[in-house]
PDB file of all heavy atoms in Angstrom:
ATOM      1  N   GLY A   1      -2.843  18.703  34.913  1.00  0.00           N
ATOM      2  CA  GLY A   1      -2.368  19.315  33.673  1.00  0.00           C
ATOM      3  C   GLY A   1      -1.063  18.727  33.169  1.00  0.00           C
ATOM      4  O   GLY A   1      -0.535  19.161  32.150  1.00  0.00           O
ATOM      5  N   ALA A   2      -0.517  17.736  33.890  1.00  0.00           N
ATOM      6  CA  ALA A   2       0.733  17.095  33.459  1.00  0.00           C
ATOM      7  C   ALA A   2       0.449  16.141  32.295  1.00  0.00           C
ATOM      8  O   ALA A   2      -0.589  15.475  32.256  1.00  0.00           O
ATOM      9  CB  ALA A   2       1.362  16.324  34.617  1.00  0.00           C
ATOM     10  N   ALA A   3       1.365  16.094  31.358  1.00  0.00           N
ATOM     11  CA  ALA A   3       1.221  15.238  30.185  1.00  0.00           C
ATOM     12  C   ALA A   3       1.249  13.761  30.577  1.00  0.00           C
ATOM     13  O   ALA A   3       1.932  13.374  31.521  1.00  0.00           O
ATOM     14  CB  ALA A   3       2.343  15.529  29.196  1.00  0.00           C
ATOM     15  N   ILE A   4       0.484  12.956  29.846  1.00  0.00           N
ATOM     16  CA  ILE A   4       0.477  11.502  30.046  1.00  0.00           C
ATOM     17  C   ILE A   4       1.120  10.859  28.818  1.00  0.00           C
ATOM     18  O   ILE A   4       0.494  10.744  27.768  1.00  0.00           O
ATOM     19  CB  ILE A   4      -0.953  10.958  30.238  1.00  0.00           C
ATOM     20  CG1 ILE A   4      -1.614  11.624  31.444  1.00  0.00           C
ATOM     21  CG2 ILE A   4      -0.921   9.441  30.398  1.00  0.00           C
ATOM     22  CD1 ILE A   4      -3.051  11.203  31.669  1.00  0.00           C
ATOM     23  N   PRO A   5       2.389  10.463  28.937  1.00  0.00           N
ATOM     24  CA  PRO A   5       3.036   9.800  27.809  1.00  0.00           C
ATOM     25  C   PRO A   5       2.564   8.351  27.684  1.00  0.00           C
ATOM     26  O   PRO A   5       2.126   7.740  28.658  1.00  0.00           O
ATOM     27  CB  PRO A   5       4.523   9.862  28.168  1.00  0.00           C
ATOM     28  CG  PRO A   5       4.557  10.004  29.647  1.00  0.00           C
ATOM     29  CD  PRO A   5       3.280  10.689  30.053  1.00  0.00           C
ATOM     30  N   ALA A   6       2.641   7.810  26.498  1.00  0.00           N
ATOM     31  CA  ALA A   6       2.317   6.414  26.187  1.00  0.00           C
ATOM     32  C   ALA A   6       0.859   6.056  26.467  1.00  0.00           C
ATOM     33  O   ALA A   6       0.537   4.890  26.662  1.00  0.00           O
ATOM     34  CB  ALA A   6       3.256   5.462  26.910  1.00  0.00           C
ATOM     35  N   ALA A   7      -0.034   7.034  26.459  1.00  0.00           N
ATOM     36  CA  ALA A   7      -1.462   6.733  26.563  1.00  0.00           C
ATOM     37  C   ALA A   7      -1.903   6.137  25.224  1.00  0.00           C
ATOM     38  O   ALA A   7      -1.407   6.521  24.167  1.00  0.00           O
ATOM     39  CB  ALA A   7      -2.260   7.995  26.873  1.00  0.00           C
ATOM     40  N   THR A   8      -2.837   5.203  25.270  1.00  0.00           N
ATOM     41  CA  THR A   8      -3.358   4.587  24.053  1.00  0.00           C
ATOM     42  C   THR A   8      -4.491   5.435  23.503  1.00  0.00           C
ATOM     43  O   THR A   8      -5.442   5.750  24.215  1.00  0.00           O
ATOM     44  CB  THR A   8      -3.875   3.166  24.350  1.00  0.00           C
ATOM     45  OG1 THR A   8      -2.797   2.400  24.879  1.00  0.00           O
ATOM     46  CG2 THR A   8      -4.417   2.507  23.099  1.00  0.00           C
ATOM     47  N   VAL A   9      -4.374   5.818  22.229  1.00  0.00           N
ATOM     48  CA  VAL A   9      -5.383   6.641  21.552  1.00  0.00           C
ATOM     49  C   VAL A   9      -5.932   5.827  20.382  1.00  0.00           C
ATOM     50  O   VAL A   9      -5.179   5.418  19.505  1.00  0.00           O
ATOM     51  CB  VAL A   9      -4.764   7.964  21.045  1.00  0.00           C
ATOM     52  CG1 VAL A   9      -5.800   8.804  20.331  1.00  0.00           C
ATOM     53  CG2 VAL A   9      -4.118   8.731  22.184  1.00  0.00           C
ATOM     54  N   ILE A  10      -7.243   5.597  20.393  1.00  0.00           N
ATOM     55  CA  ILE A  10      -7.890   4.848  19.310  1.00  0.00           C
ATOM     56  C   ILE A  10      -8.766   5.831  18.546  1.00  0.00           C
ATOM     57  O   ILE A  10      -9.710   6.391  19.098  1.00  0.00           O
ATOM     58  CB  ILE A  10      -8.744   3.688  19.847  1.00  0.00           C
ATOM     59  CG1 ILE A  10      -7.879   2.753  20.693  1.00  0.00           C
ATOM     60  CG2 ILE A  10      -9.409   2.937  18.695  1.00  0.00           C
ATOM     61  CD1 ILE A  10      -8.676   1.756  21.500  1.00  0.00           C
ATOM     62  N   VAL A  11      -8.433   6.053  17.280  1.00  0.00           N
ATOM     63  CA  VAL A  11      -9.186   6.966  16.419  1.00  0.00           C
ATOM     64  C   VAL A  11     -10.023   6.110  15.477  1.00  0.00           C
ATOM     65  O   VAL A  11      -9.501   5.208  14.828  1.00  0.00           O
ATOM     66  CB  VAL A  11      -8.231   7.884  15.618  1.00  0.00           C
ATOM     67  CG1 VAL A  11      -9.009   8.781  14.673  1.00  0.00           C
ATOM     68  CG2 VAL A  11      -7.362   8.695  16.565  1.00  0.00           C
ATOM     69  N   SER A  12     -11.327   6.398  15.412  1.00  0.00           N
ATOM     70  CA  SER A  12     -12.186   5.626  14.525  1.00  0.00           C
ATOM     71  C   SER A  12     -13.147   6.530  13.774  1.00  0.00           C
ATOM     72  O   SER A  12     -13.597   7.549  14.295  1.00  0.00           O
ATOM     73  CB  SER A  12     -12.948   4.558  15.305  1.00  0.00           C
ATOM     74  OG  SER A  12     -13.711   5.139  16.339  1.00  0.00           O
ATOM     75  N   GLY A  13     -13.392   6.141  12.537  1.00  0.00           N
ATOM     76  CA  GLY A  13     -14.326   6.851  11.666  1.00  0.00           C
ATOM     77  C   GLY A  13     -15.123   5.829  10.885  1.00  0.00           C
ATOM     78  O   GLY A  13     -15.086   4.632  11.194  1.00  0.00           O
ATOM     79  N   ALA A  14     -15.822   6.285   9.864  1.00  0.00           N
ATOM     80  CA  ALA A  14     -16.685   5.396   9.078  1.00  0.00           C
ATOM     81  C   ALA A  14     -15.920   4.200   8.507  1.00  0.00           C
ATOM     82  O   ALA A  14     -16.394   3.074   8.550  1.00  0.00           O
ATOM     83  CB  ALA A  14     -17.355   6.176   7.953  1.00  0.00           C
ATOM     84  N   HIS A  15     -14.742   4.418   7.975  1.00  0.00           N
ATOM     85  CA  HIS A  15     -13.965   3.334   7.360  1.00  0.00           C
ATOM     86  C   HIS A  15     -12.537   3.341   7.883  1.00  0.00           C
ATOM     87  O   HIS A  15     -11.598   3.029   7.138  1.00  0.00           O
ATOM     88  CB  HIS A  15     -13.951   3.484   5.834  1.00  0.00           C
ATOM     89  CG  HIS A  15     -15.332   3.500   5.249  1.00  0.00           C
ATOM     90  ND1 HIS A  15     -16.115   2.379   5.176  1.00  0.00           N
ATOM     91  CD2 HIS A  15     -16.078   4.503   4.745  1.00  0.00           C
ATOM     92  CE1 HIS A  15     -17.276   2.687   4.646  1.00  0.00           C
ATOM     93  NE2 HIS A  15     -17.283   3.974   4.370  1.00  0.00           N
ATOM     94  N   PHE A  16     -12.366   3.715   9.153  1.00  0.00           N
ATOM     95  CA  PHE A  16     -11.015   3.881   9.678  1.00  0.00           C
ATOM     96  C   PHE A  16     -11.009   3.576  11.168  1.00  0.00           C
ATOM     97  O   PHE A  16     -11.824   4.099  11.920  1.00  0.00           O
ATOM     98  CB  PHE A  16     -10.567   5.329   9.447  1.00  0.00           C
ATOM     99  CG  PHE A  16      -9.192   5.638   9.963  1.00  0.00           C
ATOM    100  CD1 PHE A  16      -8.084   5.417   9.170  1.00  0.00           C
ATOM    101  CD2 PHE A  16      -9.005   6.159  11.229  1.00  0.00           C
ATOM    102  CE1 PHE A  16      -6.814   5.711   9.642  1.00  0.00           C
ATOM    103  CE2 PHE A  16      -7.744   6.450  11.705  1.00  0.00           C
ATOM    104  CZ  PHE A  16      -6.636   6.229  10.908  1.00  0.00           C
ATOM    105  N   VAL A  17     -10.098   2.718  11.597  1.00  0.00           N
ATOM    106  CA  VAL A  17      -9.832   2.491  13.017  1.00  0.00           C
ATOM    107  C   VAL A  17      -8.338   2.257  13.141  1.00  0.00           C
ATOM    108  O   VAL A  17      -7.783   1.395  12.457  1.00  0.00           O
ATOM    109  CB  VAL A  17     -10.583   1.266  13.582  1.00  0.00           C
ATOM    110  CG1 VAL A  17     -10.172   1.007  15.026  1.00  0.00           C
ATOM    111  CG2 VAL A  17     -12.076   1.444  13.482  1.00  0.00           C
ATOM    112  N   GLN A  18      -7.695   3.051  13.977  1.00  0.00           N
ATOM    113  CA  GLN A  18      -6.266   2.867  14.164  1.00  0.00           C
ATOM    114  C   GLN A  18      -5.891   3.264  15.580  1.00  0.00           C
ATOM    115  O   GLN A  18      -6.473   4.176  16.160  1.00  0.00           O
ATOM    116  CB  GLN A  18      -5.462   3.672  13.147  1.00  0.00           C
ATOM    117  CG  GLN A  18      -4.025   3.212  13.084  1.00  0.00           C
ATOM    118  CD  GLN A  18      -3.352   3.576  11.777  1.00  0.00           C
ATOM    119  OE1 GLN A  18      -3.956   4.119  10.879  1.00  0.00           O
ATOM    120  NE2 GLN A  18      -2.092   3.264  11.675  1.00  0.00           N
ATOM    121  N   THR A  19      -4.899   2.579  16.121  1.00  0.00           N
ATOM    122  CA  THR A  19      -4.436   2.820  17.484  1.00  0.00           C
ATOM    123  C   THR A  19      -3.077   3.497  17.442  1.00  0.00           C
ATOM    124  O   THR A  19      -2.199   3.107  16.679  1.00  0.00           O
ATOM    125  CB  THR A  19      -4.343   1.487  18.249  1.00  0.00           C
ATOM    126  OG1 THR A  19      -5.628   0.863  18.231  1.00  0.00           O
ATOM    127  CG2 THR A  19      -3.923   1.708  19.683  1.00  0.00           C
ATOM    128  N   PHE A  20      -2.931   4.510  18.293  1.00  0.00           N
ATOM    129  CA  PHE A  20      -1.686   5.269  18.396  1.00  0.00           C
ATOM    130  C   PHE A  20      -1.319   5.381  19.862  1.00  0.00           C
ATOM    131  O   PHE A  20      -2.127   5.075  20.736  1.00  0.00           O
ATOM    132  CB  PHE A  20      -1.872   6.684  17.826  1.00  0.00           C
ATOM    133  CG  PHE A  20      -2.339   6.705  16.398  1.00  0.00           C
ATOM    134  CD1 PHE A  20      -3.691   6.721  16.093  1.00  0.00           C
ATOM    135  CD2 PHE A  20      -1.431   6.694  15.366  1.00  0.00           C
ATOM    136  CE1 PHE A  20      -4.127   6.726  14.796  1.00  0.00           C
ATOM    137  CE2 PHE A  20      -1.855   6.695  14.053  1.00  0.00           C
ATOM    138  CZ  PHE A  20      -3.211   6.716  13.767  1.00  0.00           C
ATOM    139  N   ALA A  21      -0.129   5.868  20.131  1.00  0.00           N
ATOM    140  CA  ALA A  21       0.296   6.159  21.507  1.00  0.00           C
ATOM    141  C   ALA A  21       0.757   7.605  21.555  1.00  0.00           C
ATOM    142  O   ALA A  21       1.337   8.117  20.594  1.00  0.00           O
ATOM    143  CB  ALA A  21       1.425   5.227  21.932  1.00  0.00           C
ATOM    144  N   THR A  22       0.491   8.257  22.684  1.00  0.00           N
ATOM    145  CA  THR A  22       0.974   9.624  22.837  1.00  0.00           C
ATOM    146  C   THR A  22       2.488   9.605  22.994  1.00  0.00           C
ATOM    147  O   THR A  22       3.064   8.626  23.473  1.00  0.00           O
ATOM    148  CB  THR A  22       0.330  10.311  24.059  1.00  0.00           C
ATOM    149  OG1 THR A  22       0.607   9.539  25.227  1.00  0.00           O
ATOM    150  CG2 THR A  22      -1.172  10.459  23.884  1.00  0.00           C
ATOM    151  N   ASP A  23       3.126  10.686  22.588  1.00  0.00           N
ATOM    152  CA  ASP A  23       4.585  10.774  22.725  1.00  0.00           C
ATOM    153  C   ASP A  23       4.948  11.161  24.157  1.00  0.00           C
ATOM    154  O   ASP A  23       4.088  11.231  25.039  1.00  0.00           O
ATOM    155  CB  ASP A  23       5.176  11.730  21.682  1.00  0.00           C
ATOM    156  CG  ASP A  23       4.753  13.177  21.871  1.00  0.00           C
ATOM    157  OD1 ASP A  23       4.192  13.534  22.923  1.00  0.00           O
ATOM    158  OD2 ASP A  23       4.976  13.977  20.936  1.00  0.00           O
ATOM    159  N   GLU A  24       6.226  11.444  24.396  1.00  0.00           N
ATOM    160  CA  GLU A  24       6.693  11.755  25.751  1.00  0.00           C
ATOM    161  C   GLU A  24       6.105  13.051  26.306  1.00  0.00           C
ATOM    162  O   GLU A  24       6.127  13.278  27.506  1.00  0.00           O
ATOM    163  CB  GLU A  24       8.226  11.798  25.809  1.00  0.00           C
ATOM    164  CG  GLU A  24       8.869  12.868  24.943  1.00  0.00           C
ATOM    165  CD  GLU A  24       9.018  12.460  23.479  1.00  0.00           C
ATOM    166  OE1 GLU A  24       8.791  11.288  23.127  1.00  0.00           O
ATOM    167  OE2 GLU A  24       9.351  13.341  22.679  1.00  0.00           O
ATOM    168  N   THR A  25       5.528  13.882  25.438  1.00  0.00           N
ATOM    169  CA  THR A  25       4.889  15.124  25.896  1.00  0.00           C
ATOM    170  C   THR A  25       3.367  14.986  25.943  1.00  0.00           C
ATOM    171  O   THR A  25       2.656  15.980  26.097  1.00  0.00           O
ATOM    172  CB  THR A  25       5.283  16.312  24.998  1.00  0.00           C
ATOM    173  OG1 THR A  25       4.806  16.075  23.675  1.00  0.00           O
ATOM    174  CG2 THR A  25       6.780  16.529  24.969  1.00  0.00           C
ATOM    175  N   GLY A  26       2.863  13.753  25.789  1.00  0.00           N
ATOM    176  CA  GLY A  26       1.428  13.500  25.857  1.00  0.00           C
ATOM    177  C   GLY A  26       0.669  13.854  24.592  1.00  0.00           C
ATOM    178  O   GLY A  26      -0.553  13.845  24.578  1.00  0.00           O
ATOM    179  N   GLN A  27       1.381  14.159  23.517  1.00  0.00           N
ATOM    180  CA  GLN A  27       0.724  14.588  22.288  1.00  0.00           C
ATOM    181  C   GLN A  27       0.558  13.429  21.296  1.00  0.00           C
ATOM    182  O   GLN A  27       1.337  12.490  21.294  1.00  0.00           O
ATOM    183  CB  GLN A  27       1.524  15.704  21.631  1.00  0.00           C
ATOM    184  CG  GLN A  27       1.575  16.948  22.492  1.00  0.00           C
ATOM    185  CD  GLN A  27       2.306  18.080  21.799  1.00  0.00           C
ATOM    186  OE1 GLN A  27       2.133  18.297  20.610  1.00  0.00           O
ATOM    187  NE2 GLN A  27       3.112  18.811  22.555  1.00  0.00           N
ATOM    188  N   TYR A  28      -0.476  13.562  20.466  1.00  0.00           N
ATOM    189  CA  TYR A  28      -0.684  12.630  19.365  1.00  0.00           C
ATOM    190  C   TYR A  28      -1.153  13.432  18.159  1.00  0.00           C
ATOM    191  O   TYR A  28      -1.698  14.523  18.296  1.00  0.00           O
ATOM    192  CB  TYR A  28      -1.707  11.546  19.720  1.00  0.00           C
ATOM    193  CG  TYR A  28      -3.119  12.060  19.871  1.00  0.00           C
ATOM    194  CD1 TYR A  28      -4.005  12.041  18.799  1.00  0.00           C
ATOM    195  CD2 TYR A  28      -3.568  12.590  21.080  1.00  0.00           C
ATOM    196  CE1 TYR A  28      -5.296  12.526  18.930  1.00  0.00           C
ATOM    197  CE2 TYR A  28      -4.866  13.070  21.215  1.00  0.00           C
ATOM    198  CZ  TYR A  28      -5.717  13.036  20.143  1.00  0.00           C
ATOM    199  OH  TYR A  28      -6.993  13.516  20.266  1.00  0.00           O
ATOM    200  N   ALA A  29      -0.899  12.909  16.974  1.00  0.00           N
ATOM    201  CA  ALA A  29      -1.349  13.546  15.732  1.00  0.00           C
ATOM    202  C   ALA A  29      -1.581  12.454  14.694  1.00  0.00           C
ATOM    203  O   ALA A  29      -0.772  11.541  14.548  1.00  0.00           O
ATOM    204  CB  ALA A  29      -0.324  14.548  15.222  1.00  0.00           C
ATOM    205  N   VAL A  30      -2.722  12.555  14.024  1.00  0.00           N
ATOM    206  CA  VAL A  30      -3.072  11.612  12.961  1.00  0.00           C
ATOM    207  C   VAL A  30      -3.386  12.457  11.738  1.00  0.00           C
ATOM    208  O   VAL A  30      -4.334  13.242  11.748  1.00  0.00           O
ATOM    209  CB  VAL A  30      -4.309  10.763  13.335  1.00  0.00           C
ATOM    210  CG1 VAL A  30      -4.551   9.710  12.284  1.00  0.00           C
ATOM    211  CG2 VAL A  30      -4.150  10.158  14.713  1.00  0.00           C
ATOM    212  N   SER A  31      -2.591  12.332  10.695  1.00  0.00           N
ATOM    213  CA  SER A  31      -2.822  13.136   9.488  1.00  0.00           C
ATOM    214  C   SER A  31      -3.258  12.225   8.344  1.00  0.00           C
ATOM    215  O   SER A  31      -3.187  11.008   8.436  1.00  0.00           O
ATOM    216  CB  SER A  31      -1.569  13.920   9.118  1.00  0.00           C
ATOM    217  OG  SER A  31      -0.491  13.043   8.925  1.00  0.00           O
ATOM    218  N   GLY A  32      -3.719  12.836   7.277  1.00  0.00           N
ATOM    219  CA  GLY A  32      -4.132  12.091   6.103  1.00  0.00           C
ATOM    220  C   GLY A  32      -5.509  11.460   6.230  1.00  0.00           C
ATOM    221  O   GLY A  32      -5.836  10.534   5.492  1.00  0.00           O
ATOM    222  N   LEU A  33      -6.327  11.955   7.165  1.00  0.00           N
ATOM    223  CA  LEU A  33      -7.671  11.396   7.350  1.00  0.00           C
ATOM    224  C   LEU A  33      -8.647  11.993   6.349  1.00  0.00           C
ATOM    225  O   LEU A  33      -8.568  13.178   6.016  1.00  0.00           O
ATOM    226  CB  LEU A  33      -8.168  11.692   8.769  1.00  0.00           C
ATOM    227  CG  LEU A  33      -7.363  11.057   9.901  1.00  0.00           C
ATOM    228  CD1 LEU A  33      -7.821  11.591  11.243  1.00  0.00           C
ATOM    229  CD2 LEU A  33      -7.492   9.556   9.855  1.00  0.00           C
ATOM    230  N   LEU A  34      -9.574  11.180   5.894  1.00  0.00           N
ATOM    231  CA  LEU A  34     -10.637  11.683   5.026  1.00  0.00           C
ATOM    232  C   LEU A  34     -11.575  12.547   5.856  1.00  0.00           C
ATOM    233  O   LEU A  34     -11.804  12.267   7.029  1.00  0.00           O
ATOM    234  CB  LEU A  34     -11.417  10.521   4.410  1.00  0.00           C
ATOM    235  CG  LEU A  34     -10.669   9.681   3.383  1.00  0.00           C
ATOM    236  CD1 LEU A  34     -11.493   8.463   3.007  1.00  0.00           C
ATOM    237  CD2 LEU A  34     -10.341  10.506   2.156  1.00  0.00           C
ATOM    238  N   PRO A  35     -12.122  13.598   5.286  1.00  0.00           N
ATOM    239  CA  PRO A  35     -13.088  14.418   6.027  1.00  0.00           C
ATOM    240  C   PRO A  35     -14.275  13.561   6.469  1.00  0.00           C
ATOM    241  O   PRO A  35     -14.663  12.622   5.773  1.00  0.00           O
ATOM    242  CB  PRO A  35     -13.523  15.465   4.999  1.00  0.00           C
ATOM    243  CG  PRO A  35     -12.412  15.515   4.010  1.00  0.00           C
ATOM    244  CD  PRO A  35     -11.860  14.121   3.948  1.00  0.00           C
ATOM    245  N   GLY A  36     -14.822  13.866   7.629  1.00  0.00           N
ATOM    246  CA  GLY A  36     -15.967  13.119   8.134  1.00  0.00           C
ATOM    247  C   GLY A  36     -16.053  13.167   9.637  1.00  0.00           C
ATOM    248  O   GLY A  36     -15.400  13.977  10.295  1.00  0.00           O
ATOM    249  N   HIS A  37     -16.850  12.264  10.192  1.00  0.00           N
ATOM    250  CA  HIS A  37     -17.084  12.189  11.630  1.00  0.00           C
ATOM    251  C   HIS A  37     -16.185  11.119  12.238  1.00  0.00           C
ATOM    252  O   HIS A  37     -16.109  10.005  11.720  1.00  0.00           O
ATOM    253  CB  HIS A  37     -18.554  11.858  11.913  1.00  0.00           C
ATOM    254  CG  HIS A  37     -19.478  12.935  11.454  1.00  0.00           C
ATOM    255  ND1 HIS A  37     -19.863  13.970  12.266  1.00  0.00           N
ATOM    256  CD2 HIS A  37     -20.070  13.162  10.264  1.00  0.00           C
ATOM    257  CE1 HIS A  37     -20.665  14.777  11.602  1.00  0.00           C
ATOM    258  NE2 HIS A  37     -20.806  14.305  10.367  1.00  0.00           N
ATOM    259  N   TYR A  38     -15.552  11.454  13.357  1.00  0.00           N
ATOM    260  CA  TYR A  38     -14.631  10.545  14.031  1.00  0.00           C
ATOM    261  C   TYR A  38     -14.890  10.548  15.527  1.00  0.00           C
ATOM    262  O   TYR A  38     -15.515  11.464  16.066  1.00  0.00           O
ATOM    263  CB  TYR A  38     -13.175  10.963  13.773  1.00  0.00           C
ATOM    264  CG  TYR A  38     -12.717  10.697  12.365  1.00  0.00           C
ATOM    265  CD1 TYR A  38     -13.002  11.591  11.340  1.00  0.00           C
ATOM    266  CD2 TYR A  38     -12.013   9.546  12.048  1.00  0.00           C
ATOM    267  CE1 TYR A  38     -12.598  11.342  10.037  1.00  0.00           C
ATOM    268  CE2 TYR A  38     -11.599   9.291  10.742  1.00  0.00           C
ATOM    269  CZ  TYR A  38     -11.893  10.197   9.750  1.00  0.00           C
ATOM    270  OH  TYR A  38     -11.492   9.939   8.470  1.00  0.00           O
ATOM    271  N   SER A  39     -14.382   9.507  16.185  1.00  0.00           N
ATOM    272  CA  SER A  39     -14.389   9.467  17.640  1.00  0.00           C
ATOM    273  C   SER A  39     -13.002   9.059  18.111  1.00  0.00           C
ATOM    274  O   SER A  39     -12.237   8.441  17.365  1.00  0.00           O
ATOM    275  CB  SER A  39     -15.456   8.513  18.174  1.00  0.00           C
ATOM    276  OG  SER A  39     -15.157   7.192  17.800  1.00  0.00           O
ATOM    277  N   VAL A  40     -12.698   9.427  19.355  1.00  0.00           N
ATOM    278  CA  VAL A  40     -11.397   9.134  19.942  1.00  0.00           C
ATOM    279  C   VAL A  40     -11.634   8.489  21.302  1.00  0.00           C
ATOM    280  O   VAL A  40     -12.416   9.002  22.104  1.00  0.00           O
ATOM    281  CB  VAL A  40     -10.564  10.419  20.120  1.00  0.00           C
ATOM    282  CG1 VAL A  40      -9.257  10.130  20.826  1.00  0.00           C
ATOM    283  CG2 VAL A  40     -10.299  11.087  18.788  1.00  0.00           C
TER     284      VAL A  40
END
């Protein structure tokens, strides 16, 4: 249950692929996405 900082998060959708990293508390947030189906 401990947070994993700096994990690589790849978010992809129909016309979107972007890579992020989790912060020091293991959290990530991606805003401004078009509604639809995504994978992480």
